[in-house]
Amino acid sequence: MTDRIDPPRDPRDLLDERTCQMICPIAAAMVGVCLTGIGLLHVTITFRARQTIADDLLSIDALIFLIATLSSYFALRVQGVRRLHWLERIADATFITAMLLLTAACFLITYSLNR
């Protein structure tokens, strides 16, 4: 009886899987951060009676983080390398975009509520 030996995997495939394994839980947690920020912002707005666009930005940001989470999750579930790379690129791009938007929302919150 001979044992079947799997061919060695391409190191780039392992790198893509590790990236998706990192993005998935981090992006999911960031959705919660955005929702918490929206809640705290609404409490602050209620007491100060000052409107800001930051809660809208955080809502959009939560959706972008959700897209990053789902694309990285599905990248871990697919079998094809081509589809893995495609979903991994989507996860990367949406995660970076959402982090930039979160940073912009933080600046907006900080400077609009401190006036």
N, C-alpha and C. Protein backbone atom coordinates (compact mmCIF):
# COMPACT_ATOMS: atom_id res chain seq x y z
N MET A 1 0.84 -1.16 0.00
CA MET A 1 0.00 0.00 0.00
C MET A 1 0.90 1.25 0.00
N THR A 2 0.60 2.17 -0.88
CA THR A 2 1.40 3.39 -0.96
C THR A 2 0.60 4.55 -0.41
N ASP A 3 1.31 5.40 0.27
CA ASP A 3 0.67 6.61 0.78
C ASP A 3 0.66 7.67 -0.30
N ARG A 4 -0.44 8.35 -0.39
CA ARG A 4 -0.54 9.44 -1.35
C ARG A 4 0.17 10.66 -0.79
N ILE A 5 1.08 11.22 -1.55
CA ILE A 5 1.81 12.40 -1.12
C ILE A 5 1.26 13.59 -1.88
N ASP A 6 0.80 14.57 -1.12
CA ASP A 6 0.29 15.78 -1.74
C ASP A 6 1.46 16.61 -2.24
N PRO A 7 1.30 17.26 -3.39
CA PRO A 7 2.37 18.12 -3.88
C PRO A 7 2.55 19.30 -2.93
N PRO A 8 3.76 19.81 -2.85
CA PRO A 8 3.99 20.96 -1.96
C PRO A 8 3.16 22.15 -2.43
N ARG A 9 2.65 22.87 -1.47
CA ARG A 9 1.83 24.04 -1.79
C ARG A 9 2.71 25.23 -2.08
N ASP A 10 2.20 26.09 -2.92
CA ASP A 10 2.89 27.32 -3.26
C ASP A 10 2.89 28.24 -2.04
N PRO A 11 4.05 28.79 -1.64
CA PRO A 11 4.10 29.67 -0.46
C PRO A 11 3.18 30.89 -0.59
N ARG A 12 2.92 31.33 -1.81
CA ARG A 12 2.02 32.47 -1.98
C ARG A 12 0.59 32.12 -1.57
N ASP A 13 0.19 30.87 -1.78
CA ASP A 13 -1.14 30.44 -1.36
C ASP A 13 -1.25 30.47 0.15
N LEU A 14 -0.22 30.05 0.85
CA LEU A 14 -0.23 30.08 2.31
C LEU A 14 -0.29 31.51 2.82
N LEU A 15 0.42 32.40 2.17
CA LEU A 15 0.41 33.80 2.56
C LEU A 15 -0.98 34.37 2.42
N ASP A 16 -1.67 34.05 1.31
CA ASP A 16 -3.02 34.55 1.11
C ASP A 16 -3.97 34.02 2.17
N GLU A 17 -3.86 32.75 2.52
CA GLU A 17 -4.72 32.18 3.54
C GLU A 17 -4.46 32.84 4.89
N ARG A 18 -3.20 33.10 5.21
CA ARG A 18 -2.89 33.75 6.49
C ARG A 18 -3.45 35.16 6.52
N THR A 19 -3.38 35.86 5.40
CA THR A 19 -3.92 37.21 5.34
C THR A 19 -5.42 37.18 5.58
N CYS A 20 -6.11 36.27 4.94
CA CYS A 20 -7.55 36.16 5.12
C CYS A 20 -7.91 35.72 6.54
N GLN A 21 -7.09 34.87 7.12
CA GLN A 21 -7.34 34.44 8.49
C GLN A 21 -7.17 35.60 9.47
N MET A 22 -6.34 36.56 9.13
CA MET A 22 -6.15 37.72 10.00
C MET A 22 -7.26 38.75 9.77
N ILE A 23 -7.63 38.99 8.52
CA ILE A 23 -8.61 40.01 8.21
C ILE A 23 -9.99 39.65 8.75
N CYS A 24 -10.37 38.39 8.65
CA CYS A 24 -11.73 37.98 9.01
C CYS A 24 -12.09 38.35 10.45
N PRO A 25 -11.36 37.93 11.46
CA PRO A 25 -11.79 38.29 12.82
C PRO A 25 -11.57 39.77 13.16
N ILE A 26 -10.53 40.37 12.60
CA ILE A 26 -10.27 41.78 12.90
C ILE A 26 -11.37 42.65 12.31
N ALA A 27 -11.74 42.40 11.06
CA ALA A 27 -12.78 43.20 10.41
C ALA A 27 -14.12 42.99 11.11
N ALA A 28 -14.40 41.77 11.56
CA ALA A 28 -15.65 41.51 12.28
C ALA A 28 -15.68 42.30 13.59
N ALA A 29 -14.56 42.34 14.28
CA ALA A 29 -14.49 43.12 15.52
C ALA A 29 -14.65 44.61 15.25
N MET A 30 -14.13 45.06 14.13
CA MET A 30 -14.22 46.48 13.80
C MET A 30 -15.66 46.89 13.49
N VAL A 31 -16.49 45.97 13.01
CA VAL A 31 -17.91 46.28 12.83
C VAL A 31 -18.50 46.63 14.19
N GLY A 32 -18.14 45.85 15.21
CA GLY A 32 -18.61 46.15 16.56
C GLY A 32 -18.09 47.47 17.07
N VAL A 33 -16.85 47.80 16.75
CA VAL A 33 -16.29 49.09 17.15
C VAL A 33 -17.08 50.23 16.52
N CYS A 34 -17.40 50.08 15.25
CA CYS A 34 -18.18 51.13 14.57
C CYS A 34 -19.56 51.29 15.20
N LEU A 35 -20.21 50.17 15.50
CA LEU A 35 -21.54 50.25 16.10
C LEU A 35 -21.48 50.86 17.50
N THR A 36 -20.44 50.53 18.26
CA THR A 36 -20.26 51.14 19.58
C THR A 36 -20.03 52.64 19.44
N GLY A 37 -19.21 53.02 18.46
CA GLY A 37 -18.97 54.44 18.21
C GLY A 37 -20.24 55.18 17.84
N ILE A 38 -21.09 54.56 17.05
CA ILE A 38 -22.36 55.19 16.67
C ILE A 38 -23.23 55.40 17.92
N GLY A 39 -23.29 54.38 18.76
CA GLY A 39 -24.09 54.51 19.98
C GLY A 39 -23.58 55.60 20.90
N LEU A 40 -22.27 55.63 21.11
CA LEU A 40 -21.69 56.67 21.97
C LEU A 40 -21.87 58.06 21.37
N LEU A 41 -21.77 58.14 20.06
CA LEU A 41 -21.94 59.42 19.39
C LEU A 41 -23.36 59.92 19.55
N HIS A 42 -24.33 59.04 19.46
CA HIS A 42 -25.73 59.45 19.63
C HIS A 42 -26.00 59.93 21.05
N VAL A 43 -25.39 59.29 22.03
CA VAL A 43 -25.53 59.76 23.41
C VAL A 43 -24.93 61.15 23.56
N THR A 44 -23.75 61.35 23.01
CA THR A 44 -23.09 62.66 23.09
C THR A 44 -23.90 63.73 22.37
N ILE A 45 -24.43 63.39 21.21
CA ILE A 45 -25.22 64.36 20.45
C ILE A 45 -26.48 64.74 21.22
N THR A 46 -27.07 63.78 21.90
CA THR A 46 -28.27 64.04 22.68
C THR A 46 -28.01 65.06 23.78
N PHE A 47 -26.87 64.92 24.46
CA PHE A 47 -26.55 65.85 25.54
C PHE A 47 -26.08 67.21 25.03
N ARG A 48 -25.38 67.23 23.93
CA ARG A 48 -24.82 68.50 23.44
C ARG A 48 -25.68 69.16 22.37
N ALA A 49 -26.63 68.45 21.83
CA ALA A 49 -27.52 68.97 20.78
C ALA A 49 -26.73 69.50 19.58
N ARG A 50 -25.68 68.77 19.20
CA ARG A 50 -24.87 69.15 18.05
C ARG A 50 -24.84 67.97 17.07
N GLN A 51 -25.24 68.22 15.84
CA GLN A 51 -25.27 67.19 14.82
C GLN A 51 -23.91 67.05 14.16
N THR A 52 -23.59 65.83 13.72
CA THR A 52 -22.35 65.58 12.98
C THR A 52 -22.60 64.46 11.96
N ILE A 53 -21.79 64.45 10.96
CA ILE A 53 -21.90 63.44 9.91
C ILE A 53 -21.16 62.15 10.31
N ALA A 54 -20.51 62.16 11.46
CA ALA A 54 -19.67 61.03 11.87
C ALA A 54 -20.44 59.74 12.02
N ASP A 55 -21.68 59.79 12.51
CA ASP A 55 -22.44 58.55 12.66
C ASP A 55 -22.78 57.95 11.31
N ASP A 56 -23.00 58.79 10.30
CA ASP A 56 -23.22 58.28 8.95
C ASP A 56 -21.95 57.61 8.41
N LEU A 57 -20.81 58.25 8.65
CA LEU A 57 -19.54 57.67 8.22
C LEU A 57 -19.29 56.33 8.90
N LEU A 58 -19.59 56.24 10.19
CA LEU A 58 -19.38 54.99 10.92
C LEU A 58 -20.33 53.89 10.43
N SER A 59 -21.53 54.27 10.03
CA SER A 59 -22.46 53.28 9.48
C SER A 59 -21.95 52.71 8.16
N ILE A 60 -21.48 53.59 7.30
CA ILE A 60 -20.90 53.15 6.03
C ILE A 60 -19.65 52.31 6.29
N ASP A 61 -18.87 52.74 7.26
CA ASP A 61 -17.65 52.02 7.63
C ASP A 61 -17.96 50.60 8.11
N ALA A 62 -19.01 50.47 8.91
CA ALA A 62 -19.41 49.14 9.38
C ALA A 62 -19.77 48.23 8.22
N LEU A 63 -20.43 48.78 7.21
CA LEU A 63 -20.77 47.97 6.02
C LEU A 63 -19.52 47.56 5.25
N ILE A 64 -18.56 48.47 5.14
CA ILE A 64 -17.31 48.14 4.43
C ILE A 64 -16.53 47.07 5.20
N PHE A 65 -16.49 47.19 6.53
CA PHE A 65 -15.84 46.14 7.33
C PHE A 65 -16.56 44.81 7.17
N LEU A 66 -17.89 44.85 7.04
CA LEU A 66 -18.65 43.61 6.82
C LEU A 66 -18.28 42.98 5.49
N ILE A 67 -18.10 43.79 4.46
CA ILE A 67 -17.67 43.26 3.16
C ILE A 67 -16.29 42.63 3.28
N ALA A 68 -15.39 43.27 4.01
CA ALA A 68 -14.05 42.70 4.22
C ALA A 68 -14.14 41.37 4.96
N THR A 69 -15.00 41.32 5.97
CA THR A 69 -15.17 40.09 6.75
C THR A 69 -15.70 38.96 5.87
N LEU A 70 -16.75 39.24 5.13
CA LEU A 70 -17.37 38.20 4.29
C LEU A 70 -16.44 37.74 3.17
N SER A 71 -15.75 38.68 2.54
CA SER A 71 -14.85 38.27 1.45
C SER A 71 -13.68 37.45 1.98
N SER A 72 -13.15 37.80 3.14
CA SER A 72 -12.06 36.99 3.70
C SER A 72 -12.57 35.63 4.17
N TYR A 73 -13.78 35.60 4.71
CA TYR A 73 -14.36 34.32 5.11
C TYR A 73 -14.56 33.40 3.91
N PHE A 74 -15.15 33.94 2.85
CA PHE A 74 -15.37 33.11 1.66
C PHE A 74 -14.06 32.74 0.98
N ALA A 75 -13.04 33.58 1.10
CA ALA A 75 -11.73 33.22 0.55
C ALA A 75 -11.16 32.00 1.27
N LEU A 76 -11.45 31.88 2.55
CA LEU A 76 -10.98 30.71 3.30
C LEU A 76 -11.75 29.45 2.95
N ARG A 77 -12.97 29.62 2.42
CA ARG A 77 -13.83 28.48 2.14
C ARG A 77 -13.71 27.94 0.70
N VAL A 78 -13.16 28.73 -0.21
CA VAL A 78 -13.12 28.31 -1.61
C VAL A 78 -11.97 27.34 -1.85
N GLN A 79 -12.09 26.60 -2.92
CA GLN A 79 -11.07 25.63 -3.28
C GLN A 79 -10.10 26.14 -4.33
N GLY A 80 -10.56 26.98 -5.22
CA GLY A 80 -9.72 27.44 -6.32
C GLY A 80 -8.77 28.55 -5.92
N VAL A 81 -7.54 28.46 -6.39
CA VAL A 81 -6.53 29.47 -6.08
C VAL A 81 -6.88 30.80 -6.71
N ARG A 82 -7.40 30.77 -7.92
CA ARG A 82 -7.74 32.01 -8.61
C ARG A 82 -8.83 32.78 -7.85
N ARG A 83 -9.85 32.05 -7.41
CA ARG A 83 -10.92 32.68 -6.64
C ARG A 83 -10.40 33.16 -5.27
N LEU A 84 -9.49 32.39 -4.69
CA LEU A 84 -8.88 32.79 -3.42
C LEU A 84 -8.18 34.14 -3.57
N HIS A 85 -7.39 34.29 -4.61
CA HIS A 85 -6.66 35.54 -4.83
C HIS A 85 -7.62 36.71 -5.07
N TRP A 86 -8.68 36.44 -5.82
CA TRP A 86 -9.66 37.49 -6.13
C TRP A 86 -10.35 37.95 -4.84
N LEU A 87 -10.83 37.03 -4.03
CA LEU A 87 -11.50 37.38 -2.78
C LEU A 87 -10.53 38.01 -1.78
N GLU A 88 -9.29 37.56 -1.80
CA GLU A 88 -8.29 38.11 -0.89
C GLU A 88 -8.00 39.57 -1.24
N ARG A 89 -7.96 39.89 -2.52
CA ARG A 89 -7.75 41.28 -2.94
C ARG A 89 -8.92 42.16 -2.51
N ILE A 90 -10.13 41.64 -2.63
CA ILE A 90 -11.30 42.39 -2.18
C ILE A 90 -11.23 42.63 -0.68
N ALA A 91 -10.87 41.58 0.07
CA ALA A 91 -10.76 41.71 1.53
C ALA A 91 -9.71 42.75 1.90
N ASP A 92 -8.57 42.71 1.24
CA ASP A 92 -7.50 43.68 1.52
C ASP A 92 -7.96 45.11 1.23
N ALA A 93 -8.52 45.31 0.05
CA ALA A 93 -8.90 46.66 -0.37
C ALA A 93 -10.00 47.22 0.53
N THR A 94 -11.00 46.41 0.84
CA THR A 94 -12.09 46.92 1.67
C THR A 94 -11.63 47.15 3.11
N PHE A 95 -10.74 46.31 3.61
CA PHE A 95 -10.24 46.48 4.97
C PHE A 95 -9.45 47.78 5.09
N ILE A 96 -8.56 48.03 4.15
CA ILE A 96 -7.76 49.27 4.17
C ILE A 96 -8.67 50.49 4.00
N THR A 97 -9.63 50.41 3.10
CA THR A 97 -10.57 51.51 2.90
C THR A 97 -11.35 51.80 4.18
N ALA A 98 -11.82 50.75 4.82
CA ALA A 98 -12.60 50.92 6.05
C ALA A 98 -11.75 51.49 7.17
N MET A 99 -10.50 51.08 7.27
CA MET A 99 -9.62 51.64 8.30
C MET A 99 -9.37 53.12 8.07
N LEU A 100 -9.19 53.52 6.81
CA LEU A 100 -9.00 54.93 6.50
C LEU A 100 -10.26 55.74 6.82
N LEU A 101 -11.42 55.18 6.49
CA LEU A 101 -12.67 55.87 6.79
C LEU A 101 -12.89 55.97 8.30
N LEU A 102 -12.53 54.93 9.04
CA LEU A 102 -12.65 54.97 10.49
C LEU A 102 -11.75 56.06 11.08
N THR A 103 -10.56 56.19 10.55
CA THR A 103 -9.65 57.24 11.01
C THR A 103 -10.22 58.62 10.72
N ALA A 104 -10.80 58.79 9.54
CA ALA A 104 -11.42 60.07 9.19
C ALA A 104 -12.60 60.36 10.11
N ALA A 105 -13.39 59.36 10.41
CA ALA A 105 -14.53 59.55 11.32
C ALA A 105 -14.04 59.94 12.71
N CYS A 106 -12.95 59.34 13.16
CA CYS A 106 -12.40 59.68 14.48
C CYS A 106 -11.96 61.14 14.52
N PHE A 107 -11.30 61.60 13.48
CA PHE A 107 -10.91 63.01 13.42
C PHE A 107 -12.13 63.91 13.42
N LEU A 108 -13.14 63.53 12.66
CA LEU A 108 -14.36 64.34 12.59
C LEU A 108 -15.05 64.39 13.95
N ILE A 109 -15.13 63.26 14.63
CA ILE A 109 -15.74 63.23 15.96
C ILE A 109 -14.97 64.10 16.93
N THR A 110 -13.65 63.95 16.91
CA THR A 110 -12.82 64.69 17.84
C THR A 110 -12.95 66.20 17.64
N TYR A 111 -12.88 66.66 16.40
CA TYR A 111 -12.86 68.09 16.16
C TYR A 111 -14.26 68.71 16.10
N SER A 112 -15.28 67.95 15.78
CA SER A 112 -16.61 68.54 15.75
C SER A 112 -17.23 68.61 17.14
N LEU A 113 -16.88 67.71 18.02
CA LEU A 113 -17.45 67.73 19.37
C LEU A 113 -16.66 68.61 20.33
N ASN A 114 -15.44 68.98 19.96
CA ASN A 114 -14.61 69.82 20.82
C ASN A 114 -14.73 71.30 20.49
N ARG A 115 -15.60 71.66 19.59
CA ARG A 115 -15.76 73.07 19.22
C ARG A 115 -16.60 73.77 20.23
